[in-house]
Every structure is written in C-alpha cells, then in structure tokens.
C-alpha cells in the first residue's frame, strides 16, 4: 500500500500519468482521505479542489473513493483503509484545533501492512 501525504492541492493533473500511460495498473483502488466531522456529507469527488484529480484517475481506470477522516473513527478506518492500494491524504487536524497523533499512528500502521 502506498500512502501519499499531500499538504497542497495539485493545480494540474494533466501530466500526472502521461509519461507512463501504458504502465498504469488498472483496477487499483485509491482513497482520497479528507477531513470530515462525524455525519458529514463531504465528498472529495464532488469538491472543486479534488474533482479534477479524481476524474483524471477514474479516466485511467482506477477506482477512486472519497473517505472522510476524523479522529473519532480512526479504529473503523484502520479496518476499512487496507482495501485500498493507495491513500492520498489531505487532512490537517491542526486546522481543526487537534493534533496529528491519531492520524500519524493510523498512517504508520497502515503503511506497515
């Protein structure tokens, strides 16, 4: 499993896979992990800043899901996230007056699997 921590938003995804179009592995699952309050209906696939990236990956045959992160559901995520081949992480718990301890532990454990 590959976990990418992305502290910035890609402005253009046009060249993301252009050099290796024929080598991109099909049918791999990618999670776009974004922050969400419990019960939130946030969806990275519909939000403007993630939409182009998601569309680009889907066009190339990847399965892409929006996954909400919150410290309160980290145990559930620890069970659900291993089914993904790649997790793209756009979460900054510090913005929500939190810290990174739970998120870092989750990502460390996932990357060790």
Protein backbone atom coordinates (compact mmCIF):
# COMPACT_ATOMS: atom_id res chain seq x y z
CA UNK A 1 0.00 0.00 0.00
CA UNK A 2 1.21 3.48 -0.83
CA UNK A 3 0.25 6.46 1.32
CA UNK A 4 0.89 9.94 0.00
CA UNK A 5 0.59 12.89 2.31
CA UNK A 6 -0.34 15.84 0.16
CA UNK A 7 -0.17 19.14 2.03
CA UNK A 8 -1.04 21.08 -1.10
CA UNK A 9 -3.60 20.78 -3.87
CA UNK A 10 -2.38 19.86 -7.34
CA UNK A 11 -3.40 22.61 -9.74
CA UNK A 12 -2.98 20.44 -12.78
CA UNK A 13 -3.09 16.69 -13.11
CA UNK A 14 -2.61 16.59 -16.86
CA UNK A 15 0.92 15.22 -16.70
CA UNK A 16 0.41 13.07 -13.63
CA UNK A 17 0.49 9.79 -15.55
CA UNK A 18 1.21 10.96 -19.11
CA UNK A 19 4.73 9.55 -19.28
CA UNK A 20 3.69 6.06 -18.21
CA UNK A 21 0.16 5.74 -19.61
CA UNK A 22 0.69 2.17 -20.71
CA UNK A 23 2.25 1.14 -17.40
CA UNK A 24 -0.53 2.42 -15.12
CA UNK A 25 -2.04 -0.52 -13.27
CA UNK A 26 -5.77 -0.81 -13.90
CA UNK A 27 -8.46 -1.60 -11.36
CA UNK A 28 -6.48 -0.40 -8.39
CA UNK A 29 -8.40 1.33 -5.62
CA UNK A 30 -7.43 4.80 -4.46
CA UNK A 31 -8.83 6.56 -1.38
CA UNK A 32 -8.91 10.34 -1.25
CA UNK A 33 -8.79 10.88 2.51
CA UNK A 34 -10.17 14.26 3.60
CA UNK A 35 -11.26 15.66 6.96
CA UNK A 36 -14.91 15.48 7.89
CA UNK A 37 -16.97 15.89 11.02
CA UNK A 38 -18.96 12.79 12.03
CA UNK A 39 -22.13 12.67 9.95
CA UNK A 40 -20.70 15.00 7.30
CA UNK A 41 -21.68 14.54 3.67
CA UNK A 42 -18.37 15.91 2.32
CA UNK A 43 -17.28 14.15 -0.83
CA UNK A 44 -13.87 14.75 -2.39
CA UNK A 45 -15.18 13.56 -5.75
CA UNK A 46 -17.60 16.49 -5.84
CA UNK A 47 -15.40 19.21 -4.32
CA UNK A 48 -13.76 21.50 -6.83
CA UNK A 49 -10.22 21.24 -5.44
CA UNK A 50 -10.18 17.40 -5.67
CA UNK A 51 -12.56 16.84 -8.57
CA UNK A 52 -10.07 17.11 -11.46
CA UNK A 53 -7.62 14.73 -9.83
CA UNK A 54 -10.38 12.20 -9.16
CA UNK A 55 -11.70 12.47 -12.72
CA UNK A 56 -8.20 12.04 -14.12
CA UNK A 57 -7.60 8.89 -12.09
CA UNK A 58 -11.01 7.43 -12.95
CA UNK A 59 -10.42 8.08 -16.67
CA UNK A 60 -7.27 5.95 -16.38
CA UNK A 61 -9.14 3.01 -14.92
CA UNK A 62 -8.64 3.49 -11.21
CA UNK A 63 -11.42 3.08 -8.68
CA UNK A 64 -11.49 6.26 -6.59
CA UNK A 65 -13.42 6.73 -3.35
CA UNK A 66 -13.80 9.71 -1.08
CA UNK A 67 -13.10 8.74 2.54
CA UNK A 68 -13.69 11.06 5.47
CA UNK A 69 -11.15 11.18 8.28
CA UNK A 70 -11.91 12.10 11.85
CA UNK A 71 -10.03 11.06 14.99
CA UNK A 72 -13.25 9.62 16.40
CA UNK A 73 -13.48 6.98 13.66
CA UNK A 74 -9.80 6.07 13.34
CA UNK A 75 -10.42 2.49 14.58
CA UNK A 76 -13.02 1.96 11.84
CA UNK A 77 -10.70 3.48 9.23
CA UNK A 78 -7.89 1.16 10.37
CA UNK A 79 -10.14 -1.74 9.32
CA UNK A 80 -11.54 -0.15 6.13
CA UNK A 81 -8.48 1.50 4.56
CA UNK A 82 -6.30 -1.59 3.96
CA UNK A 83 -8.51 -2.49 0.97
CA UNK A 84 -7.03 0.46 -0.93
CA UNK A 85 -3.81 0.22 -2.91
CA UNK A 86 -3.13 3.94 -2.50
CA UNK A 87 -4.34 6.52 0.01
CA UNK A 88 -3.97 10.19 -0.88
CA UNK A 89 -4.19 12.15 2.35
CA UNK A 90 -5.49 15.72 2.52
CA UNK A 91 -6.01 16.07 6.26
CA UNK A 92 -4.62 18.70 8.56
CA UNK A 93 -6.02 18.01 12.04
CA UNK A 94 -4.24 21.07 13.39
CA UNK A 95 -6.70 23.27 11.45
CA UNK A 96 -9.49 21.69 13.50
CA UNK A 97 -7.68 22.52 16.79
CA UNK A 98 -6.41 18.95 17.06
CA UNK A 99 -3.05 17.32 16.71
CA UNK A 100 -1.58 14.66 14.44
CA UNK A 101 -1.04 11.86 16.97
CA UNK A 102 -4.01 9.68 16.00
CA UNK A 103 -3.70 10.35 12.26
CA UNK A 104 0.04 9.68 12.29
CA UNK A 105 -0.44 6.42 14.20
CA UNK A 106 -3.13 5.30 11.76
CA UNK A 107 -0.98 6.06 8.71
CA UNK A 108 2.11 4.47 10.25
CA UNK A 109 0.20 1.26 10.99
CA UNK A 110 -1.36 1.19 7.52
CA UNK A 111 1.98 1.69 5.77
CA UNK A 112 3.47 -1.21 7.73
CA UNK A 113 0.84 -3.63 6.40
